């Protein structure tokens, strides 16, 4: 029963938190990387100026650097969120990983 509750909890958190977690980590990475932030800001300003300040699907499609920043964060964030999910699952179920050739403790 504990395993079922843990799985339900993980499914709930995974579905609910993915977008906000990605945005949070992406904004954090931008905050600690002012050079990337500046390039992205310039691209957004340029594209929005071209589209009279309107945020549209077409405008966002032109923001190639934004796409790269978000895609990079998805790669990093996926790893972090998987680790958090496993740690949460272990905490709820009382199970713990066993050290082995692929896991150092």
N, C-alpha and C. Protein backbone atom coordinates (compact mmCIF):
# COMPACT_ATOMS: atom_id res chain seq x y z
N UNK A 1 0.82 -1.19 0.00
CA UNK A 1 0.00 0.00 0.00
C UNK A 1 0.87 1.26 0.00
N UNK A 2 1.99 1.23 0.76
CA UNK A 2 2.88 2.39 0.79
C UNK A 2 3.45 2.69 -0.59
N UNK A 3 3.77 1.63 -1.33
CA UNK A 3 4.34 1.80 -2.67
C UNK A 3 3.31 2.44 -3.59
N UNK A 4 2.06 2.03 -3.48
CA UNK A 4 0.99 2.60 -4.31
C UNK A 4 0.81 4.08 -3.97
N UNK A 5 0.80 4.42 -2.69
CA UNK A 5 0.67 5.82 -2.28
C UNK A 5 1.85 6.64 -2.77
N UNK A 6 3.04 6.08 -2.70
CA UNK A 6 4.23 6.79 -3.17
C UNK A 6 4.15 7.03 -4.67
N UNK A 7 3.71 6.02 -5.43
CA UNK A 7 3.60 6.19 -6.88
C UNK A 7 2.56 7.26 -7.23
N UNK A 8 1.42 7.25 -6.54
CA UNK A 8 0.39 8.25 -6.78
C UNK A 8 0.92 9.65 -6.48
N UNK A 9 1.67 9.77 -5.40
CA UNK A 9 2.24 11.06 -5.03
C UNK A 9 3.24 11.54 -6.08
N UNK A 10 4.08 10.65 -6.55
CA UNK A 10 5.08 11.01 -7.56
C UNK A 10 4.39 11.42 -8.86
N UNK A 11 3.35 10.68 -9.28
CA UNK A 11 2.62 11.06 -10.49
C UNK A 11 1.98 12.44 -10.34
N UNK A 12 1.42 12.71 -9.18
CA UNK A 12 0.80 14.01 -8.93
C UNK A 12 1.83 15.13 -9.01
N UNK A 13 2.93 14.97 -8.30
CA UNK A 13 3.97 16.00 -8.27
C UNK A 13 4.60 16.16 -9.65
N UNK A 14 4.86 15.05 -10.33
CA UNK A 14 5.51 15.12 -11.64
C UNK A 14 4.64 15.87 -12.64
N UNK A 15 3.34 15.65 -12.60
CA UNK A 15 2.46 16.34 -13.53
C UNK A 15 2.21 17.79 -13.16
N UNK A 16 2.23 18.08 -11.88
CA UNK A 16 1.89 19.42 -11.39
C UNK A 16 3.07 20.37 -11.43
N UNK A 17 4.23 19.87 -11.15
CA UNK A 17 5.39 20.72 -10.93
C UNK A 17 6.31 20.92 -12.13
N UNK A 18 6.10 20.20 -13.20
CA UNK A 18 7.09 20.23 -14.28
C UNK A 18 7.30 21.61 -14.88
N UNK A 19 6.22 22.30 -15.22
CA UNK A 19 6.36 23.62 -15.84
C UNK A 19 6.95 24.63 -14.88
N UNK A 20 6.44 24.66 -13.67
CA UNK A 20 6.94 25.66 -12.71
C UNK A 20 8.38 25.36 -12.31
N UNK A 21 8.73 24.10 -12.20
CA UNK A 21 10.11 23.76 -11.87
C UNK A 21 11.06 24.15 -12.99
N UNK A 22 10.66 23.88 -14.23
CA UNK A 22 11.50 24.26 -15.37
C UNK A 22 11.69 25.76 -15.42
N UNK A 23 10.61 26.52 -15.25
CA UNK A 23 10.74 27.98 -15.27
C UNK A 23 11.60 28.48 -14.11
N UNK A 24 11.43 27.89 -12.94
CA UNK A 24 12.22 28.31 -11.78
C UNK A 24 13.71 28.08 -12.02
N UNK A 25 14.07 26.89 -12.46
CA UNK A 25 15.48 26.60 -12.71
C UNK A 25 16.02 27.44 -13.86
N UNK A 26 15.20 27.66 -14.88
CA UNK A 26 15.64 28.47 -16.02
C UNK A 26 15.91 29.90 -15.57
N UNK A 27 15.01 30.48 -14.78
CA UNK A 27 15.21 31.84 -14.29
C UNK A 27 16.41 31.92 -13.35
N UNK A 28 16.61 30.89 -12.55
CA UNK A 28 17.78 30.86 -11.67
C UNK A 28 19.07 30.85 -12.49
N UNK A 29 19.10 29.98 -13.50
CA UNK A 29 20.30 29.91 -14.35
C UNK A 29 20.55 31.24 -15.06
N UNK A 30 19.49 31.90 -15.51
CA UNK A 30 19.64 33.20 -16.13
C UNK A 30 20.15 34.24 -15.13
N UNK A 31 19.67 34.15 -13.89
CA UNK A 31 20.09 35.11 -12.86
C UNK A 31 21.58 34.98 -12.54
N UNK A 32 22.12 33.78 -12.61
CA UNK A 32 23.54 33.60 -12.30
C UNK A 32 24.42 33.65 -13.54
N UNK A 33 23.79 33.86 -14.71
CA UNK A 33 24.55 33.94 -15.97
C UNK A 33 24.16 35.22 -16.71
N UNK A 34 24.68 36.36 -16.26
CA UNK A 34 24.27 37.63 -16.87
C UNK A 34 24.61 37.74 -18.36
N UNK A 35 25.65 37.06 -18.81
CA UNK A 35 26.00 37.11 -20.23
C UNK A 35 24.92 36.43 -21.09
N UNK A 36 24.44 35.28 -20.65
CA UNK A 36 23.36 34.58 -21.36
C UNK A 36 22.07 35.40 -21.26
N UNK A 37 21.83 35.95 -20.08
CA UNK A 37 20.65 36.78 -19.87
C UNK A 37 20.62 37.97 -20.84
N UNK A 38 21.76 38.60 -21.04
CA UNK A 38 21.85 39.76 -21.92
C UNK A 38 21.58 39.39 -23.39
N UNK A 39 22.16 38.29 -23.84
CA UNK A 39 21.93 37.83 -25.21
C UNK A 39 20.45 37.52 -25.41
N UNK A 40 19.85 36.83 -24.44
CA UNK A 40 18.44 36.48 -24.53
C UNK A 40 17.56 37.72 -24.51
N UNK A 41 17.87 38.66 -23.64
CA UNK A 41 17.10 39.91 -23.57
C UNK A 41 17.16 40.66 -24.89
N UNK A 42 18.33 40.73 -25.49
CA UNK A 42 18.48 41.40 -26.78
C UNK A 42 17.66 40.72 -27.87
N UNK A 43 17.69 39.39 -27.88
CA UNK A 43 16.90 38.67 -28.88
C UNK A 43 15.41 38.94 -28.69
N UNK A 44 14.93 38.87 -27.46
CA UNK A 44 13.51 39.10 -27.19
C UNK A 44 13.11 40.53 -27.58
N UNK A 45 13.93 41.51 -27.20
CA UNK A 45 13.64 42.90 -27.56
C UNK A 45 13.59 43.09 -29.07
N UNK A 46 14.53 42.50 -29.78
CA UNK A 46 14.59 42.64 -31.23
C UNK A 46 13.36 42.01 -31.90
N UNK A 47 13.02 40.81 -31.48
CA UNK A 47 11.88 40.11 -32.09
C UNK A 47 10.58 40.82 -31.76
N UNK A 48 10.41 41.25 -30.52
CA UNK A 48 9.17 41.94 -30.16
C UNK A 48 9.04 43.29 -30.87
N UNK A 49 10.15 43.95 -31.07
CA UNK A 49 10.12 45.21 -31.81
C UNK A 49 9.65 44.97 -33.25
N UNK A 50 10.12 43.89 -33.83
CA UNK A 50 9.72 43.52 -35.19
C UNK A 50 8.23 43.21 -35.27
N UNK A 51 7.67 42.70 -34.18
CA UNK A 51 6.25 42.31 -34.14
C UNK A 51 5.39 43.35 -33.39
N UNK A 52 5.86 44.58 -33.34
CA UNK A 52 5.13 45.69 -32.70
C UNK A 52 4.79 45.40 -31.23
N UNK A 53 5.66 44.70 -30.54
CA UNK A 53 5.48 44.43 -29.12
C UNK A 53 4.48 43.33 -28.81
N UNK A 54 3.96 42.66 -29.83
CA UNK A 54 2.98 41.59 -29.63
C UNK A 54 3.67 40.25 -29.46
N UNK A 55 3.31 39.55 -28.40
CA UNK A 55 3.83 38.20 -28.20
C UNK A 55 2.88 37.25 -28.93
N UNK A 56 3.38 36.63 -29.96
CA UNK A 56 2.57 35.71 -30.75
C UNK A 56 3.36 34.43 -30.97
N UNK A 57 2.68 33.45 -31.51
CA UNK A 57 3.33 32.18 -31.83
C UNK A 57 4.49 32.41 -32.80
N UNK A 58 4.24 33.24 -33.80
CA UNK A 58 5.27 33.51 -34.80
C UNK A 58 6.49 34.20 -34.17
N UNK A 59 6.21 35.15 -33.26
CA UNK A 59 7.31 35.86 -32.60
C UNK A 59 8.15 34.88 -31.77
N UNK A 60 7.49 34.03 -31.03
CA UNK A 60 8.22 33.08 -30.19
C UNK A 60 9.01 32.10 -31.05
N UNK A 61 8.46 31.71 -32.20
CA UNK A 61 9.18 30.81 -33.10
C UNK A 61 10.47 31.43 -33.62
N UNK A 62 10.51 32.75 -33.70
CA UNK A 62 11.72 33.44 -34.17
C UNK A 62 12.80 33.53 -33.08
N UNK A 63 12.43 33.27 -31.85
CA UNK A 63 13.38 33.39 -30.73
C UNK A 63 14.17 32.09 -30.58
N UNK A 64 15.16 31.92 -31.43
CA UNK A 64 15.92 30.68 -31.46
C UNK A 64 16.81 30.52 -30.22
N UNK A 65 17.33 31.63 -29.72
CA UNK A 65 18.18 31.54 -28.53
C UNK A 65 17.33 31.17 -27.31
N UNK A 66 16.12 31.70 -27.24
CA UNK A 66 15.20 31.32 -26.16
C UNK A 66 14.95 29.82 -26.19
N UNK A 67 14.75 29.29 -27.38
CA UNK A 67 14.54 27.85 -27.52
C UNK A 67 15.74 27.06 -27.00
N UNK A 68 16.93 27.54 -27.31
CA UNK A 68 18.15 26.86 -26.84
C UNK A 68 18.29 26.94 -25.33
N UNK A 69 17.96 28.09 -24.75
CA UNK A 69 18.06 28.24 -23.30
C UNK A 69 17.09 27.29 -22.60
N UNK A 70 15.84 27.26 -23.07
CA UNK A 70 14.84 26.39 -22.44
C UNK A 70 15.20 24.92 -22.66
N UNK A 71 15.64 24.56 -23.86
CA UNK A 71 16.03 23.17 -24.13
C UNK A 71 17.20 22.75 -23.25
N UNK A 72 18.16 23.65 -23.06
CA UNK A 72 19.28 23.34 -22.17
C UNK A 72 18.82 23.12 -20.74
N UNK A 73 17.89 23.94 -20.30
CA UNK A 73 17.36 23.78 -18.94
C UNK A 73 16.56 22.50 -18.80
N UNK A 74 15.83 22.12 -19.84
CA UNK A 74 15.09 20.86 -19.79
C UNK A 74 16.03 19.68 -19.60
N UNK A 75 17.20 19.74 -20.23
CA UNK A 75 18.19 18.66 -20.05
C UNK A 75 18.69 18.62 -18.62
N UNK A 76 19.02 19.78 -18.07
CA UNK A 76 19.52 19.84 -16.70
C UNK A 76 18.41 19.55 -15.71
N UNK A 77 17.25 20.17 -15.93
CA UNK A 77 16.12 20.02 -15.01
C UNK A 77 15.60 18.60 -14.93
N UNK A 78 15.63 17.89 -16.06
CA UNK A 78 15.15 16.50 -16.06
C UNK A 78 15.99 15.65 -15.12
N UNK A 79 17.27 15.85 -15.16
CA UNK A 79 18.17 15.10 -14.28
C UNK A 79 17.86 15.43 -12.82
N UNK A 80 17.75 16.71 -12.51
CA UNK A 80 17.50 17.12 -11.12
C UNK A 80 16.15 16.63 -10.64
N UNK A 81 15.11 16.75 -11.48
CA UNK A 81 13.78 16.33 -11.04
C UNK A 81 13.70 14.81 -10.85
N UNK A 82 14.43 14.04 -11.67
CA UNK A 82 14.47 12.59 -11.47
C UNK A 82 15.12 12.23 -10.15
N UNK A 83 16.16 12.93 -9.81
CA UNK A 83 16.84 12.68 -8.53
C UNK A 83 15.90 13.00 -7.38
N UNK A 84 15.21 14.15 -7.45
CA UNK A 84 14.28 14.54 -6.40
C UNK A 84 13.14 13.53 -6.29
N UNK A 85 12.61 13.06 -7.44
CA UNK A 85 11.53 12.07 -7.42
C UNK A 85 11.96 10.78 -6.73
N UNK A 86 13.16 10.31 -7.06
CA UNK A 86 13.65 9.09 -6.43
C UNK A 86 13.86 9.29 -4.93
N UNK A 87 14.41 10.42 -4.55
CA UNK A 87 14.63 10.68 -3.13
C UNK A 87 13.30 10.76 -2.38
N UNK A 88 12.30 11.39 -2.99
CA UNK A 88 10.97 11.47 -2.38
C UNK A 88 10.37 10.08 -2.25
N UNK A 89 10.47 9.28 -3.29
CA UNK A 89 9.95 7.93 -3.26
C UNK A 89 10.63 7.11 -2.17
N UNK A 90 11.94 7.22 -2.06
CA UNK A 90 12.66 6.48 -1.03
C UNK A 90 12.24 6.92 0.36
N UNK A 91 12.02 8.22 0.53
CA UNK A 91 11.62 8.73 1.84
C UNK A 91 10.24 8.24 2.23
N UNK A 92 9.29 8.24 1.28
CA UNK A 92 7.92 7.83 1.57
C UNK A 92 7.83 6.33 1.84
N UNK A 93 8.51 5.54 1.05
CA UNK A 93 8.40 4.09 1.15
C UNK A 93 9.31 3.49 2.22
N UNK A 94 10.30 4.25 2.62
CA UNK A 94 11.26 3.72 3.58
C UNK A 94 12.34 2.88 2.92
N UNK A 95 12.26 2.74 1.60
CA UNK A 95 13.28 1.99 0.87
C UNK A 95 14.51 2.87 0.72
N UNK A 96 15.63 2.26 0.57
CA UNK A 96 16.83 3.04 0.33
C UNK A 96 17.66 2.33 -0.74
N UNK A 97 18.38 3.11 -1.51
CA UNK A 97 19.21 2.49 -2.57
C UNK A 97 20.37 1.74 -1.97
N UNK A 98 20.84 0.76 -2.69
CA UNK A 98 22.00 -0.01 -2.25
C UNK A 98 23.19 0.40 -3.11
N UNK A 99 24.28 0.63 -2.45
CA UNK A 99 25.51 0.99 -3.18
C UNK A 99 25.91 -0.16 -4.09
N UNK A 100 26.41 0.18 -5.23
CA UNK A 100 26.86 -0.82 -6.18
C UNK A 100 27.77 -0.18 -7.20
N UNK A 101 28.04 -0.89 -8.29
CA UNK A 101 28.96 -0.34 -9.29
C UNK A 101 28.45 0.95 -9.95
N UNK A 102 27.11 1.10 -10.03
CA UNK A 102 26.56 2.29 -10.69
C UNK A 102 26.08 3.35 -9.70
N UNK A 103 26.18 3.11 -8.41
CA UNK A 103 25.72 4.06 -7.41
C UNK A 103 26.71 4.12 -6.27
N UNK A 104 27.28 5.29 -6.07
CA UNK A 104 28.19 5.48 -4.95
C UNK A 104 27.47 6.23 -3.86
N UNK A 105 27.74 5.87 -2.64
CA UNK A 105 27.07 6.51 -1.51
C UNK A 105 28.09 7.16 -0.60
